[in-house]
C-alpha atoms as a PDB file:
ATOM      1  CA  MET A   1      92.962  94.043  77.919  1.00  0.00           C
ATOM      2  CA  LEU A   2      91.985  95.352  81.335  1.00  0.00           C
ATOM      3  CA  PHE A   3      89.995  92.330  82.479  1.00  0.00           C
ATOM      4  CA  GLN A   4      91.519  88.889  82.291  1.00  0.00           C
ATOM      5  CA  SER A   5      88.182  87.152  82.324  1.00  0.00           C
ATOM      6  CA  CYS A   6      84.648  88.404  82.493  1.00  0.00           C
ATOM      7  CA  SER A   7      81.854  85.920  82.685  1.00  0.00           C
ATOM      8  CA  LEU A   8      78.172  86.567  83.056  1.00  0.00           C
ATOM      9  CA  PHE A   9      76.240  83.571  84.160  1.00  0.00           C
ATOM     10  CA  LYS A  10      72.845  82.867  85.591  1.00  0.00           C
ATOM     11  CA  ASP A  11      72.366  80.597  88.541  1.00  0.00           C
ATOM     12  CA  HIS A  12      69.160  78.741  87.723  1.00  0.00           C
ATOM     13  CA  GLN A  13      68.322  77.955  91.329  1.00  0.00           C
ATOM     14  CA  THR A  14      68.487  81.488  92.759  1.00  0.00           C
ATOM     15  CA  ARG A  15      67.754  83.334  89.490  1.00  0.00           C
ATOM     16  CA  ASP A  16      70.288  86.117  89.994  1.00  0.00           C
ATOM     17  CA  PHE A  17      73.023  87.438  87.775  1.00  0.00           C
ATOM     18  CA  ARG A  18      76.679  87.657  88.807  1.00  0.00           C
ATOM     19  CA  LEU A  19      79.715  89.198  87.194  1.00  0.00           C
ATOM     20  CA  ASP A  20      83.136  87.743  87.906  1.00  0.00           C
ATOM     21  CA  PHE A  21      85.906  90.245  87.221  1.00  0.00           C
ATOM     22  CA  GLN A  22      89.609  89.642  87.519  1.00  0.00           C
ATOM     23  CA  PHE A  23      92.064  92.443  86.817  1.00  0.00           C
ATOM     24  CA  GLN A  24      95.063  91.575  84.718  1.00  0.00           C
ATOM     25  CA  HIS A  25      97.115  94.404  86.284  1.00  0.00           C
ATOM     26  CA  LYS A  26      96.108  94.670  89.928  1.00  0.00           C
ATOM     27  CA  GLU A  27      98.532  97.512  90.653  1.00  0.00           C
ATOM     28  CA  PHE A  28      96.368  99.855  88.570  1.00  0.00           C
ATOM     29  CA  VAL A  29      93.484  99.493  91.017  1.00  0.00           C
ATOM     30  CA  LEU A  30      95.521 101.385  93.623  1.00  0.00           C
ATOM     31  CA  LEU A  31      96.350 104.065  91.073  1.00  0.00           C
ATOM     32  CA  PHE A  32      92.671 104.532  90.276  1.00  0.00           C
ATOM     33  CA  GLY A  33      92.052 105.035  93.994  1.00  0.00           C
ATOM     34  CA  ALA A  34      94.891 107.576  94.170  1.00  0.00           C
ATOM     35  CA  ILE A  35      93.378 109.547  91.295  1.00  0.00           C
ATOM     36  CA  VAL A  36      90.047 109.698  93.118  1.00  0.00           C
ATOM     37  CA  ILE A  37      91.813 110.935  96.269  1.00  0.00           C
ATOM     38  CA  PHE A  38      93.643 113.623  94.249  1.00  0.00           C
ATOM     39  CA  ILE A  39      90.355 114.834  92.767  1.00  0.00           C
ATOM     40  CA  ILE A  40      88.698 114.997  96.195  1.00  0.00           C
ATOM     41  CA  LEU A  41      91.659 116.927  97.624  1.00  0.00           C
ATOM     42  CA  PHE A  42      91.543 119.328  94.671  1.00  0.00           C
ATOM     43  CA  ILE A  43      87.838 120.015  95.242  1.00  0.00           C
ATOM     44  CA  PHE A  44      88.447 120.690  98.955  1.00  0.00           C
ATOM     45  CA  LEU A  45      91.338 123.025  98.096  1.00  0.00           C
ATOM     46  CA  TRP A  46      89.233 124.885  95.551  1.00  0.00           C
ATOM     47  CA  GLN A  47      86.392 125.370  98.056  1.00  0.00           C
ATOM     48  CA  TRP A  48      88.834 126.496 100.757  1.00  0.00           C
ATOM     49  CA  LYS A  49      90.352 129.091  98.418  1.00  0.00           C
ATOM     50  CA  ARG A  50      86.894 130.460  97.596  1.00  0.00           C
ATOM     51  CA  LYS A  51      85.993 130.721 101.313  1.00  0.00           C
ATOM     52  CA  VAL A  52      89.242 132.534 102.123  1.00  0.00           C
ATOM     53  CA  LYS A  53      88.698 134.937  99.237  1.00  0.00           C
ATOM     54  CA  LYS A  54      85.215 135.787 100.570  1.00  0.00           C
ATOM     55  CA  ARG A  55      86.545 136.278 104.132  1.00  0.00           C
ATOM     56  CA  MET A  56      89.316 138.650 103.072  1.00  0.00           C
ATOM     57  CA  GLY A  57      87.025 141.639 102.761  1.00  0.00           C
ATOM     58  CA  ASP A  58      85.816 143.807  99.915  1.00  0.00           C
ATOM     59  CA  SER A  59      85.270 141.664  96.828  1.00  0.00           C
ATOM     60  CA  LYS A  60      86.344 144.432  94.407  1.00  0.00           C
ATOM     61  CA  LEU A  61      89.627 144.972  96.271  1.00  0.00           C
ATOM     62  CA  VAL A  62      90.359 141.243  96.452  1.00  0.00           C
ATOM     63  CA  SER A  63      89.605 140.880  92.726  1.00  0.00           C
ATOM     64  CA  ALA A  64      91.962 143.770  91.955  1.00  0.00           C
ATOM     65  CA  LEU A  65      94.740 142.281  94.096  1.00  0.00           C
ATOM     66  CA  THR A  66      94.399 138.798  92.570  1.00  0.00           C
ATOM     67  CA  ALA A  67      93.969 139.956  88.973  1.00  0.00           C
ATOM     68  CA  GLY A  68      97.100 138.062  87.912  1.00  0.00           C
ATOM     69  CA  PHE A  69      95.811 134.741  89.271  1.00  0.00           C
ATOM     70  CA  SER A  70      94.370 132.387  86.670  1.00  0.00           C
ATOM     71  CA  SER A  71      92.041 129.672  87.917  1.00  0.00           C
ATOM     72  CA  ARG A  72      92.293 127.991  84.521  1.00  0.00           C
ATOM     73  CA  LEU A  73      96.077 127.738  84.923  1.00  0.00           C
ATOM     74  CA  PHE A  74      95.595 126.322  88.432  1.00  0.00           C
ATOM     75  CA  LEU A  75      93.299 123.622  87.009  1.00  0.00           C
ATOM     76  CA  THR A  76      95.741 122.896  84.174  1.00  0.00           C
ATOM     77  CA  LYS A  77      98.616 122.461  86.627  1.00  0.00           C
ATOM     78  CA  PHE A  78      96.524 120.071  88.705  1.00  0.00           C
ATOM     79  CA  ILE A  79      95.612 117.979  85.660  1.00  0.00           C
ATOM     80  CA  LEU A  80      99.222 117.807  84.469  1.00  0.00           C
ATOM     81  CA  LEU A  81     100.471 116.811  87.929  1.00  0.00           C
ATOM     82  CA  SER A  82      97.768 114.151  88.226  1.00  0.00           C
ATOM     83  CA  VAL A  83      98.598 112.684  84.838  1.00  0.00           C
ATOM     84  CA  GLY A  84     102.308 112.800  85.646  1.00  0.00           C
ATOM     85  CA  PHE A  85     101.752 110.942  88.888  1.00  0.00           C
END
């Protein structure tokens, strides 16, 4: 179980709701943060590659030169490396 204890209680004086969460495995919180950082870096890399491709020149020539590049394979490699991390 991910949460050791989860209690929802209502304070009758202030009439607000609070959730108290405690993680059973606190080391996973850092891993969740690392996954978010990997995704953000991947998005920046993807945008940078698209900008560079547009700056290179003629779009037909660039498409012909990069015909062997598979963006789906690039995404698959990223997912496998992220899961392996």
